[in-house]
Amino acid sequence: MKVLVDSVDNEGLEAFLGKPICIYCLSYIYAGVLVGVNSSCVKLSEAGIVYETGPFSEAGWKDFQALPGEYHYIQTSSIESFGGVK
């Protein structure tokens, strides 16, 4: 049996700490600045829901609605994918 064992620091969500991120969840797309991450949730500042992306070749979102409050938390169990913002 072949087994790959490798440990990389600051990979995955941790790589986006302090940076803008787009998080695709079960029902919504969230965007903001990732300011915290643990095993159960992520913490966004300047957070909002992206109701319409518009063309990915264009900067900015077509319909971004800011969420109230300084921070917004998302459960990691609902995250389908994540990456940098367009």
N, C-alpha and C. Protein backbone atom coordinates (compact mmCIF):
# COMPACT_ATOMS: atom_id res chain seq x y z
N MET A 1 0.84 -1.17 0.00
CA MET A 1 0.00 0.00 0.00
C MET A 1 0.89 1.24 0.00
N LYS A 2 0.53 2.20 -0.82
CA LYS A 2 1.23 3.47 -0.85
C LYS A 2 0.46 4.47 0.01
N VAL A 3 1.19 5.22 0.80
CA VAL A 3 0.57 6.20 1.68
C VAL A 3 1.34 7.51 1.55
N LEU A 4 0.62 8.58 1.30
CA LEU A 4 1.22 9.90 1.20
C LEU A 4 1.04 10.61 2.54
N VAL A 5 2.12 10.98 3.13
CA VAL A 5 2.07 11.69 4.40
C VAL A 5 2.81 13.01 4.21
N ASP A 6 2.07 14.09 4.36
CA ASP A 6 2.65 15.41 4.18
C ASP A 6 1.87 16.40 5.03
N SER A 7 2.55 17.28 5.67
CA SER A 7 1.91 18.31 6.48
C SER A 7 2.36 19.67 5.98
N VAL A 8 1.38 20.51 5.66
CA VAL A 8 1.67 21.85 5.15
C VAL A 8 0.98 22.86 6.05
N ASP A 9 1.74 23.80 6.59
CA ASP A 9 1.16 24.86 7.42
C ASP A 9 0.54 25.93 6.54
N ASN A 10 -0.46 26.61 7.09
CA ASN A 10 -1.13 27.72 6.40
C ASN A 10 -1.70 27.31 5.05
N GLU A 11 -2.32 26.15 5.01
CA GLU A 11 -2.98 25.65 3.80
C GLU A 11 -4.49 25.72 4.04
N GLY A 12 -5.27 25.74 3.00
CA GLY A 12 -6.72 25.77 3.13
C GLY A 12 -7.22 27.12 3.61
N LEU A 13 -8.19 27.12 4.49
CA LEU A 13 -8.77 28.37 4.98
C LEU A 13 -7.73 29.27 5.64
N GLU A 14 -6.79 28.68 6.35
CA GLU A 14 -5.76 29.48 7.04
C GLU A 14 -4.96 30.35 6.08
N ALA A 15 -4.83 29.92 4.84
CA ALA A 15 -4.07 30.69 3.85
C ALA A 15 -4.74 32.03 3.54
N PHE A 16 -6.03 32.16 3.86
CA PHE A 16 -6.77 33.38 3.55
C PHE A 16 -6.91 34.32 4.76
N LEU A 17 -6.32 33.98 5.89
CA LEU A 17 -6.44 34.84 7.06
C LEU A 17 -5.94 36.26 6.74
N GLY A 18 -6.79 37.23 7.01
CA GLY A 18 -6.46 38.63 6.73
C GLY A 18 -6.67 39.05 5.29
N LYS A 19 -7.21 38.15 4.46
CA LYS A 19 -7.41 38.43 3.04
C LYS A 19 -8.89 38.31 2.66
N PRO A 20 -9.29 38.95 1.58
CA PRO A 20 -10.66 38.77 1.07
C PRO A 20 -10.86 37.32 0.62
N ILE A 21 -12.06 36.80 0.89
CA ILE A 21 -12.38 35.42 0.54
C ILE A 21 -13.83 35.33 0.09
N CYS A 22 -14.09 34.37 -0.77
CA CYS A 22 -15.44 34.04 -1.22
C CYS A 22 -15.73 32.62 -0.76
N ILE A 23 -16.83 32.43 -0.03
CA ILE A 23 -17.18 31.13 0.53
C ILE A 23 -18.51 30.68 -0.04
N TYR A 24 -18.48 29.56 -0.75
CA TYR A 24 -19.69 28.98 -1.32
C TYR A 24 -20.24 27.96 -0.33
N CYS A 25 -21.46 28.22 0.16
CA CYS A 25 -22.10 27.34 1.13
C CYS A 25 -23.29 26.63 0.51
N LEU A 26 -23.98 25.85 1.32
CA LEU A 26 -25.11 25.05 0.83
C LEU A 26 -26.18 25.90 0.15
N SER A 27 -26.46 27.08 0.68
CA SER A 27 -27.53 27.91 0.11
C SER A 27 -27.08 29.27 -0.40
N TYR A 28 -26.01 29.80 0.14
CA TYR A 28 -25.60 31.16 -0.19
C TYR A 28 -24.11 31.24 -0.53
N ILE A 29 -23.74 32.35 -1.13
CA ILE A 29 -22.34 32.70 -1.35
C ILE A 29 -22.04 33.87 -0.44
N TYR A 30 -21.02 33.72 0.39
CA TYR A 30 -20.60 34.79 1.30
C TYR A 30 -19.26 35.34 0.84
N ALA A 31 -19.04 36.62 1.08
CA ALA A 31 -17.75 37.24 0.78
C ALA A 31 -17.41 38.19 1.91
N GLY A 32 -16.13 38.35 2.16
CA GLY A 32 -15.65 39.25 3.21
C GLY A 32 -14.17 39.02 3.42
N VAL A 33 -13.68 39.55 4.52
CA VAL A 33 -12.28 39.35 4.90
C VAL A 33 -12.23 38.31 6.00
N LEU A 34 -11.47 37.25 5.79
CA LEU A 34 -11.36 36.18 6.78
C LEU A 34 -10.47 36.64 7.93
N VAL A 35 -11.05 36.73 9.12
CA VAL A 35 -10.29 37.19 10.28
C VAL A 35 -10.15 36.13 11.36
N GLY A 36 -10.83 35.00 11.19
CA GLY A 36 -10.70 33.92 12.16
C GLY A 36 -11.17 32.60 11.58
N VAL A 37 -10.55 31.51 12.06
CA VAL A 37 -10.94 30.16 11.62
C VAL A 37 -10.62 29.16 12.72
N ASN A 38 -11.57 28.24 12.95
CA ASN A 38 -11.32 27.11 13.84
C ASN A 38 -12.04 25.90 13.28
N SER A 39 -12.14 24.84 14.04
CA SER A 39 -12.71 23.60 13.50
C SER A 39 -14.22 23.69 13.26
N SER A 40 -14.91 24.64 13.90
CA SER A 40 -16.36 24.69 13.75
C SER A 40 -16.88 25.87 12.94
N CYS A 41 -16.11 26.96 12.85
CA CYS A 41 -16.63 28.12 12.12
C CYS A 41 -15.50 29.00 11.59
N VAL A 42 -15.90 29.89 10.68
CA VAL A 42 -14.99 30.93 10.20
C VAL A 42 -15.62 32.27 10.56
N LYS A 43 -14.78 33.29 10.73
CA LYS A 43 -15.22 34.62 11.11
C LYS A 43 -14.84 35.60 10.02
N LEU A 44 -15.84 36.31 9.49
CA LEU A 44 -15.62 37.30 8.44
C LEU A 44 -15.88 38.70 8.94
N SER A 45 -15.06 39.65 8.50
CA SER A 45 -15.38 41.06 8.67
C SER A 45 -15.77 41.59 7.29
N GLU A 46 -16.44 42.74 7.26
CA GLU A 46 -16.91 43.31 5.99
C GLU A 46 -17.70 42.27 5.19
N ALA A 47 -18.48 41.45 5.90
CA ALA A 47 -19.17 40.30 5.30
C ALA A 47 -20.45 40.69 4.59
N GLY A 48 -20.77 39.89 3.59
CA GLY A 48 -22.02 40.09 2.87
C GLY A 48 -22.41 38.83 2.11
N ILE A 49 -23.65 38.82 1.64
CA ILE A 49 -24.16 37.72 0.83
C ILE A 49 -24.12 38.16 -0.63
N VAL A 50 -23.62 37.31 -1.48
CA VAL A 50 -23.59 37.58 -2.92
C VAL A 50 -24.82 36.92 -3.52
N TYR A 51 -25.80 37.72 -3.89
CA TYR A 51 -27.02 37.19 -4.49
C TYR A 51 -26.87 36.97 -5.99
N GLU A 52 -26.00 37.76 -6.61
CA GLU A 52 -25.74 37.57 -8.05
C GLU A 52 -24.28 37.93 -8.31
N THR A 53 -23.54 36.99 -8.89
CA THR A 53 -22.11 37.20 -9.09
C THR A 53 -21.80 38.13 -10.25
N GLY A 54 -22.58 38.05 -11.31
CA GLY A 54 -22.19 38.73 -12.55
C GLY A 54 -21.08 37.91 -13.20
N PRO A 55 -20.55 38.36 -14.32
CA PRO A 55 -19.47 37.62 -15.00
C PRO A 55 -18.22 37.55 -14.13
N PHE A 56 -17.62 36.38 -14.03
CA PHE A 56 -16.40 36.23 -13.24
C PHE A 56 -15.22 36.95 -13.87
N SER A 57 -15.35 37.33 -15.12
CA SER A 57 -14.28 38.08 -15.79
C SER A 57 -14.27 39.56 -15.39
N GLU A 58 -15.31 40.00 -14.69
CA GLU A 58 -15.42 41.40 -14.26
C GLU A 58 -15.16 41.51 -12.75
N ALA A 59 -14.54 42.60 -12.35
CA ALA A 59 -14.28 42.85 -10.93
C ALA A 59 -15.58 43.17 -10.20
N GLY A 60 -15.66 42.80 -8.95
CA GLY A 60 -16.82 43.14 -8.14
C GLY A 60 -18.01 42.22 -8.38
N TRP A 61 -18.96 42.29 -7.46
CA TRP A 61 -20.17 41.47 -7.54
C TRP A 61 -21.31 42.29 -8.12
N LYS A 62 -22.20 41.64 -8.84
CA LYS A 62 -23.36 42.33 -9.40
C LYS A 62 -24.35 42.69 -8.30
N ASP A 63 -24.57 41.79 -7.33
CA ASP A 63 -25.49 42.07 -6.21
C ASP A 63 -24.89 41.53 -4.92
N PHE A 64 -24.23 42.41 -4.18
CA PHE A 64 -23.63 42.09 -2.89
C PHE A 64 -24.38 42.86 -1.82
N GLN A 65 -24.94 42.15 -0.84
CA GLN A 65 -25.68 42.79 0.24
C GLN A 65 -24.90 42.63 1.54
N ALA A 66 -24.43 43.73 2.10
CA ALA A 66 -23.66 43.69 3.35
C ALA A 66 -24.52 43.16 4.49
N LEU A 67 -23.90 42.37 5.35
CA LEU A 67 -24.58 41.84 6.53
C LEU A 67 -24.37 42.81 7.69
N PRO A 68 -25.35 42.91 8.58
CA PRO A 68 -25.21 43.83 9.71
C PRO A 68 -24.17 43.33 10.71
N GLY A 69 -23.59 44.23 11.44
CA GLY A 69 -22.63 43.87 12.47
C GLY A 69 -21.20 43.90 11.97
N GLU A 70 -20.29 43.93 12.93
CA GLU A 70 -18.87 44.01 12.59
C GLU A 70 -18.33 42.69 12.05
N TYR A 71 -18.87 41.57 12.57
CA TYR A 71 -18.40 40.24 12.17
C TYR A 71 -19.57 39.33 11.85
N HIS A 72 -19.29 38.34 11.04
CA HIS A 72 -20.29 37.32 10.71
C HIS A 72 -19.59 35.96 10.75
N TYR A 73 -20.27 34.97 11.31
CA TYR A 73 -19.70 33.63 11.46
C TYR A 73 -20.42 32.64 10.56
N ILE A 74 -19.65 31.73 9.97
CA ILE A 74 -20.20 30.69 9.09
C ILE A 74 -19.71 29.34 9.60
N GLN A 75 -20.62 28.39 9.73
CA GLN A 75 -20.23 27.05 10.17
C GLN A 75 -19.44 26.35 9.06
N THR A 76 -18.33 25.76 9.43
CA THR A 76 -17.50 25.08 8.42
C THR A 76 -18.23 23.88 7.81
N SER A 77 -19.17 23.29 8.55
CA SER A 77 -19.90 22.13 8.02
C SER A 77 -20.78 22.49 6.83
N SER A 78 -21.09 23.78 6.63
CA SER A 78 -21.93 24.18 5.50
C SER A 78 -21.11 24.65 4.29
N ILE A 79 -19.79 24.73 4.43
CA ILE A 79 -18.95 25.22 3.34
C ILE A 79 -18.74 24.13 2.30
N GLU A 80 -19.04 24.47 1.03
CA GLU A 80 -18.81 23.55 -0.08
C GLU A 80 -17.47 23.84 -0.76
N SER A 81 -17.14 25.13 -0.91
CA SER A 81 -15.86 25.50 -1.49
C SER A 81 -15.54 26.94 -1.10
N PHE A 82 -14.28 27.34 -1.32
CA PHE A 82 -13.87 28.69 -0.99
C PHE A 82 -12.67 29.08 -1.83
N GLY A 83 -12.45 30.37 -1.95
CA GLY A 83 -11.30 30.85 -2.72
C GLY A 83 -11.24 32.36 -2.67
N GLY A 84 -10.29 32.91 -3.41
CA GLY A 84 -10.14 34.35 -3.49
C GLY A 84 -11.33 35.00 -4.18
N VAL A 85 -11.47 36.29 -3.96
CA VAL A 85 -12.58 37.00 -4.59
C VAL A 85 -12.19 37.41 -6.01
N LYS A 86 -13.21 37.66 -6.82
CA LYS A 86 -12.95 38.00 -8.22
C LYS A 86 -12.53 39.44 -8.37
